[in-house]
Amino acid sequence: MKKIFIILTCLSFLIGCNQAQSDSGSDSTKPTAPQPKAPVEQKKLVSNEKSAKILYEVNPDNSYVLEPIAGSGIEADEKAVLLTFDDPFRFNDPDQNNVLEMAKTLKELDVPAIFFVNGTYLHTKEGRQTLKTVADLGFEIGNHTMTHVKLEPLREEDQTGNILSLNNLVEDIIGKRPRFFRAPYGKHTEHAQKVAEEEGMTLMNWTYGRDWKEGYDTPEAITDYMVNSKHLQPGANLLMHDLKWTSDALKDIVTGLREKGYGFIDPATIK
């Protein structure tokens, strides 16, 4: 009996040690256990849309240029410009259906931009699908009012409707509301500014642009103007439109600006 008792005691001791060793090993592996990783594309999307560091702000005095935010340091490229495009998706005019080609050109050149849309150009299934495609390519969609009429003569409730109805439409199509607002003809009213502020949108005008004017309606002419304008400066907000000659000139415009040492501001980094 004494021998049996000793044997049982030893077995019990060995089993206890083995269990303790097993538990200890399990705990030690927890800190180094591999964690699930998000897909690369998803991580990039989050970085671009939600986690981008704010480096620039629109000049509050005139809204015509952008400036590095104080304290942004070397992260903000001081010699950079912002590309913006008004009135895309004009499916009532076959000669102006260039927005998708322009977006693809910019994507290939790795150049960000804002497309300021009107609701009147989103009345077709084709227009709405094109807007979604442009947004899915990573481009910012801005509010240029539903009807593109001058805001000053409108009653305040009509100004509000022109802005909010487009925000609702854009959100319905691409899943998020515009962060930037540009009034038609660059004429912001006090009421429109208030509505934009309540919506969390940044007011934006432009520094220069001329592709809608006679004499600048060829690729060569508009390229020369956009690259060599006396108004070209760090932080300039370049205005262009969904026009055939601008689309044809876009690659040369980007190349010309880069040859002058200019980079391009990502709208995601604008306050």
Protein backbone atom coordinates (compact mmCIF):
# COMPACT_ATOMS: atom_id res chain seq x y z
CA MET A 1 0.00 0.00 0.00
CA LYS A 2 2.81 2.33 0.82
CA LYS A 3 4.34 1.75 -2.61
CA ILE A 4 1.01 2.34 -4.31
CA PHE A 5 0.54 5.59 -2.39
CA ILE A 6 4.02 6.82 -3.40
CA ILE A 7 3.39 5.95 -7.05
CA LEU A 8 0.02 7.76 -7.09
CA THR A 9 1.58 10.81 -5.43
CA CYS A 10 4.34 11.00 -8.06
CA LEU A 11 1.86 10.64 -10.91
CA SER A 12 -0.28 13.44 -9.48
CA PHE A 13 2.75 15.70 -9.18
CA LEU A 14 3.87 15.02 -12.77
CA ILE A 15 0.39 15.69 -14.19
CA GLY A 16 0.18 19.00 -12.31
CA CYS A 17 3.57 20.15 -13.62
CA ASN A 18 2.64 19.24 -17.16
CA GLN A 19 -0.63 21.21 -16.93
CA ALA A 20 1.16 24.25 -15.51
CA GLN A 21 3.73 24.12 -18.30
CA SER A 22 0.94 23.95 -20.90
CA ASP A 23 -0.87 27.00 -19.45
CA SER A 24 2.37 28.98 -19.22
CA GLY A 25 3.18 28.24 -22.84
CA SER A 26 -0.29 29.41 -23.93
CA ASP A 27 0.11 32.75 -22.14
CA SER A 28 3.56 33.40 -23.56
CA THR A 29 2.36 33.07 -27.13
CA LYS A 30 -0.45 35.63 -26.89
CA PRO A 31 1.61 38.79 -27.50
CA THR A 32 3.19 37.37 -30.66
CA ALA A 33 0.10 35.72 -32.12
CA PRO A 34 -0.47 36.87 -35.71
CA GLN A 35 -3.31 39.40 -36.03
CA PRO A 36 -5.72 39.57 -39.00
CA LYS A 37 -4.70 42.26 -41.46
CA ALA A 38 -7.09 44.48 -43.45
CA PRO A 39 -6.86 44.16 -47.22
CA VAL A 40 -4.39 46.61 -48.77
CA GLU A 41 -7.10 48.45 -50.74
CA GLN A 42 -9.25 48.93 -47.64
CA LYS A 43 -6.29 50.28 -45.67
CA LYS A 44 -5.53 52.75 -48.45
CA LEU A 45 -9.14 53.93 -48.57
CA VAL A 46 -9.21 54.59 -44.84
CA SER A 47 -5.91 56.46 -45.07
CA ASN A 48 -7.08 58.70 -47.91
CA GLU A 49 -10.54 59.53 -46.63
CA LYS A 50 -10.43 59.37 -42.85
CA SER A 51 -6.86 59.58 -41.62
CA ALA A 52 -5.20 62.02 -44.02
CA LYS A 53 -3.32 64.71 -42.13
CA ILE A 54 -4.70 68.21 -42.63
CA LEU A 55 -1.93 70.33 -44.12
CA TYR A 56 -3.66 73.16 -46.00
CA GLU A 57 -6.47 75.63 -45.53
CA VAL A 58 -8.31 77.96 -47.88
CA ASN A 59 -7.32 81.58 -47.30
CA PRO A 60 -10.21 82.81 -45.13
CA ASP A 61 -10.01 86.37 -46.42
CA ASN A 62 -10.73 85.63 -50.07
CA SER A 63 -11.05 81.83 -50.62
CA TYR A 64 -8.97 82.15 -53.81
CA VAL A 65 -5.77 80.39 -52.72
CA LEU A 66 -4.65 77.67 -50.32
CA GLU A 67 -1.99 78.04 -47.68
CA PRO A 68 -0.04 75.56 -45.55
CA ILE A 69 -1.44 75.42 -42.03
CA ALA A 70 0.92 76.81 -39.42
CA GLY A 71 2.87 73.96 -37.90
CA SER A 72 2.46 71.60 -40.85
CA GLY A 73 6.21 71.87 -41.42
CA ILE A 74 7.90 70.13 -44.32
CA GLU A 75 4.95 67.78 -44.82
CA ALA A 76 3.07 70.49 -46.71
CA ASP A 77 4.53 71.10 -50.15
CA GLU A 78 4.62 74.88 -50.32
CA LYS A 79 5.06 74.83 -54.10
CA ALA A 80 1.87 73.00 -54.95
CA VAL A 81 -1.43 73.84 -56.63
CA LEU A 82 -4.96 72.45 -56.51
CA LEU A 83 -6.78 71.29 -59.65
CA THR A 84 -10.55 71.80 -59.71
CA PHE A 85 -13.10 71.08 -62.44
CA ASP A 86 -16.56 72.63 -62.69
CA ASP A 87 -19.78 71.52 -64.40
CA PRO A 88 -18.96 67.91 -65.29
CA PHE A 89 -21.48 65.31 -66.52
CA ARG A 90 -23.09 67.52 -69.18
CA PHE A 91 -24.94 64.73 -70.96
CA ASN A 92 -27.20 67.20 -72.72
CA ASP A 93 -24.16 68.24 -74.76
CA PRO A 94 -22.24 65.36 -76.42
CA ASP A 95 -19.17 67.57 -76.88
CA GLN A 96 -18.79 67.97 -73.13
CA ASN A 97 -18.97 64.36 -71.96
CA ASN A 98 -15.29 64.22 -71.06
CA VAL A 99 -15.28 63.91 -67.29
CA LEU A 100 -14.57 60.18 -67.12
CA GLU A 101 -11.68 60.47 -69.57
CA MET A 102 -10.30 63.40 -67.58
CA ALA A 103 -10.56 61.46 -64.33
CA LYS A 104 -8.76 58.48 -65.84
CA THR A 105 -6.00 60.75 -67.20
CA LEU A 106 -5.49 62.31 -63.77
CA LYS A 107 -5.48 58.89 -62.14
CA GLU A 108 -2.78 57.66 -64.52
CA LEU A 109 -0.74 60.77 -63.75
CA ASP A 110 -1.30 60.34 -59.99
CA VAL A 111 -2.85 63.80 -59.67
CA PRO A 112 -5.70 64.47 -57.21
CA ALA A 113 -8.51 66.93 -57.95
CA ILE A 114 -11.98 68.15 -56.99
CA PHE A 115 -14.92 67.84 -59.41
CA PHE A 116 -17.63 70.41 -58.59
CA VAL A 117 -20.91 69.01 -59.87
CA ASN A 118 -24.39 70.37 -60.60
CA GLY A 119 -27.50 68.30 -60.01
CA THR A 120 -28.95 69.17 -63.40
CA TYR A 121 -26.25 67.02 -64.97
CA LEU A 122 -27.10 64.01 -62.82
CA HIS A 123 -30.62 63.41 -64.09
CA THR A 124 -29.71 60.31 -66.10
CA LYS A 125 -28.68 56.85 -65.00
CA GLU A 126 -25.50 57.29 -67.06
CA GLY A 127 -24.67 60.52 -65.27
CA ARG A 128 -25.13 59.03 -61.83
CA GLN A 129 -23.03 55.99 -62.71
CA THR A 130 -20.27 58.21 -64.07
CA LEU A 131 -20.27 60.25 -60.87
CA LYS A 132 -19.90 57.09 -58.81
CA THR A 133 -17.06 55.88 -61.05
CA VAL A 134 -15.20 59.18 -60.67
CA ALA A 135 -15.64 59.07 -56.90
CA ASP A 136 -14.52 55.43 -56.80
CA LEU A 137 -11.33 56.45 -58.62
CA GLY A 138 -10.54 58.52 -55.53
CA PHE A 139 -11.56 62.01 -56.60
CA GLU A 140 -13.30 64.52 -54.36
CA ILE A 141 -16.83 65.54 -55.35
CA GLY A 142 -17.76 69.16 -54.54
CA ASN A 143 -21.08 71.02 -54.45
CA HIS A 144 -21.69 73.56 -57.25
CA THR A 145 -25.46 73.84 -56.54
CA MET A 146 -28.30 71.87 -58.01
CA THR A 147 -29.23 74.26 -60.85
CA HIS A 148 -26.13 76.46 -61.39
CA VAL A 149 -28.08 79.72 -61.16
CA LYS A 150 -26.81 82.90 -59.54
CA LEU A 151 -27.56 82.79 -55.85
CA GLU A 152 -27.94 86.53 -55.17
CA PRO A 153 -31.43 86.96 -56.68
CA LEU A 154 -32.80 83.85 -54.95
CA ARG A 155 -34.77 83.83 -51.73
CA GLU A 156 -32.88 82.34 -48.82
CA GLU A 157 -35.00 79.18 -48.78
CA ASP A 158 -34.27 78.66 -52.49
CA GLN A 159 -30.55 79.10 -51.90
CA THR A 160 -30.77 76.53 -49.14
CA GLY A 161 -32.66 74.13 -51.39
CA ASN A 162 -30.14 74.52 -54.20
CA ILE A 163 -27.31 73.52 -51.89
CA LEU A 164 -28.87 70.86 -49.67
CA SER A 165 -30.76 69.03 -52.42
CA LEU A 166 -27.47 68.48 -54.25
CA ASN A 167 -25.74 67.30 -51.09
CA ASN A 168 -28.53 64.78 -50.62
CA LEU A 169 -28.31 63.63 -54.24
CA VAL A 170 -24.53 63.23 -54.15
CA GLU A 171 -24.72 61.31 -50.88
CA ASP A 172 -27.36 59.03 -52.37
CA ILE A 173 -25.07 58.25 -55.32
CA ILE A 174 -21.60 57.97 -53.77
CA GLY A 175 -22.39 57.43 -50.10
CA LYS A 176 -21.01 60.66 -48.64
CA ARG A 177 -21.79 64.37 -48.70
CA PRO A 178 -19.55 66.98 -50.38
CA ARG A 179 -16.93 68.66 -48.19
CA PHE A 180 -16.39 71.65 -50.49
CA PHE A 181 -18.77 74.28 -51.88
CA ARG A 182 -18.27 76.60 -54.84
CA ALA A 183 -21.06 78.98 -55.76
CA PRO A 184 -21.95 79.46 -59.45
CA TYR A 185 -19.89 82.27 -60.98
CA GLY A 186 -17.93 82.45 -57.73
CA LYS A 187 -20.61 84.59 -56.06
CA HIS A 188 -21.08 83.39 -52.50
CA THR A 189 -23.91 85.04 -50.58
CA GLU A 190 -23.91 85.43 -46.80
CA HIS A 191 -26.77 82.97 -46.56
CA ALA A 192 -25.03 80.40 -48.77
CA GLN A 193 -21.93 80.72 -46.61
CA LYS A 194 -24.06 80.05 -43.53
CA VAL A 195 -25.64 76.96 -45.10
CA ALA A 196 -22.24 75.68 -46.20
CA GLU A 197 -20.85 76.19 -42.69
CA GLU A 198 -23.78 74.33 -41.14
CA GLU A 199 -23.13 71.47 -43.56
CA GLY A 200 -19.45 71.42 -42.64
CA MET A 201 -18.38 72.44 -46.14
CA THR A 202 -15.38 74.59 -46.95
CA LEU A 203 -16.01 77.57 -49.25
CA MET A 204 -13.81 77.62 -52.31
CA ASN A 205 -13.33 80.04 -55.17
CA TRP A 206 -10.48 79.91 -57.69
CA THR A 207 -7.27 81.72 -58.57
CA TYR A 208 -7.41 81.53 -62.35
CA GLY A 209 -8.91 79.71 -65.30
CA ARG A 210 -10.11 80.61 -68.79
CA ASP A 211 -11.04 77.50 -70.77
CA TRP A 212 -14.63 78.67 -71.30
CA LYS A 213 -13.59 81.90 -73.02
CA GLU A 214 -13.07 82.52 -76.72
CA GLY A 215 -9.45 82.25 -77.72
CA TYR A 216 -8.73 79.56 -75.13
CA ASP A 217 -10.79 76.82 -76.73
CA THR A 218 -7.92 74.78 -78.16
CA PRO A 219 -5.59 72.38 -76.33
CA GLU A 220 -2.57 74.49 -77.20
CA ALA A 221 -4.08 77.77 -76.01
CA ILE A 222 -5.41 76.50 -72.71
CA THR A 223 -2.20 74.58 -71.97
CA ASP A 224 -0.13 77.71 -72.47
CA TYR A 225 -2.42 79.76 -70.25
CA MET A 226 -2.69 77.28 -67.38
CA VAL A 227 1.06 76.61 -67.29
CA ASN A 228 2.35 80.14 -67.90
CA SER A 229 -0.28 82.39 -66.34
CA LYS A 230 1.01 85.29 -64.27
CA HIS A 231 -1.41 84.10 -61.59
CA LEU A 232 0.38 80.77 -61.13
CA GLN A 233 1.71 80.70 -57.58
CA PRO A 234 2.07 78.28 -54.67
CA GLY A 235 -1.38 77.43 -53.37
CA ALA A 236 -3.15 78.52 -56.55
CA ASN A 237 -6.59 77.03 -57.17
CA LEU A 238 -6.73 76.20 -60.88
CA LEU A 239 -10.21 76.18 -62.45
CA MET A 240 -11.03 74.10 -65.51
CA HIS A 241 -14.20 72.61 -66.99
CA ASP A 242 -15.52 69.44 -68.57
CA LEU A 243 -14.57 70.58 -72.08
CA LYS A 244 -13.07 68.64 -74.97
CA TRP A 245 -10.08 70.92 -75.47
CA THR A 246 -9.32 70.92 -71.74
CA SER A 247 -9.52 67.14 -71.65
CA ASP A 248 -7.13 66.91 -74.60
CA ALA A 249 -4.74 69.37 -72.92
CA LEU A 250 -4.83 67.89 -69.44
CA LYS A 251 -1.73 65.72 -69.68
CA ASP A 252 0.34 68.59 -71.10
CA ILE A 253 -0.95 70.94 -68.40
CA VAL A 254 0.10 68.55 -65.64
CA THR A 255 3.46 67.93 -67.30
CA GLY A 256 4.08 71.65 -67.74
CA LEU A 257 3.30 72.43 -64.12
CA ARG A 258 5.55 69.62 -62.93
CA GLU A 259 8.38 70.88 -65.11
CA LYS A 260 8.04 74.19 -63.27
CA GLY A 261 8.49 72.36 -59.99
CA TYR A 262 4.87 72.31 -58.87
CA GLY A 263 3.22 69.48 -57.01
CA PHE A 264 -0.51 68.90 -56.54
CA ILE A 265 -2.53 69.31 -53.36
CA ASP A 266 -4.63 66.37 -52.26
CA PRO A 267 -8.13 67.62 -51.29
CA ALA A 268 -8.08 65.14 -48.40
CA THR A 269 -5.38 67.30 -46.76
CA ILE A 270 -7.44 70.52 -46.96
CA LYS A 271 -9.17 71.79 -43.82
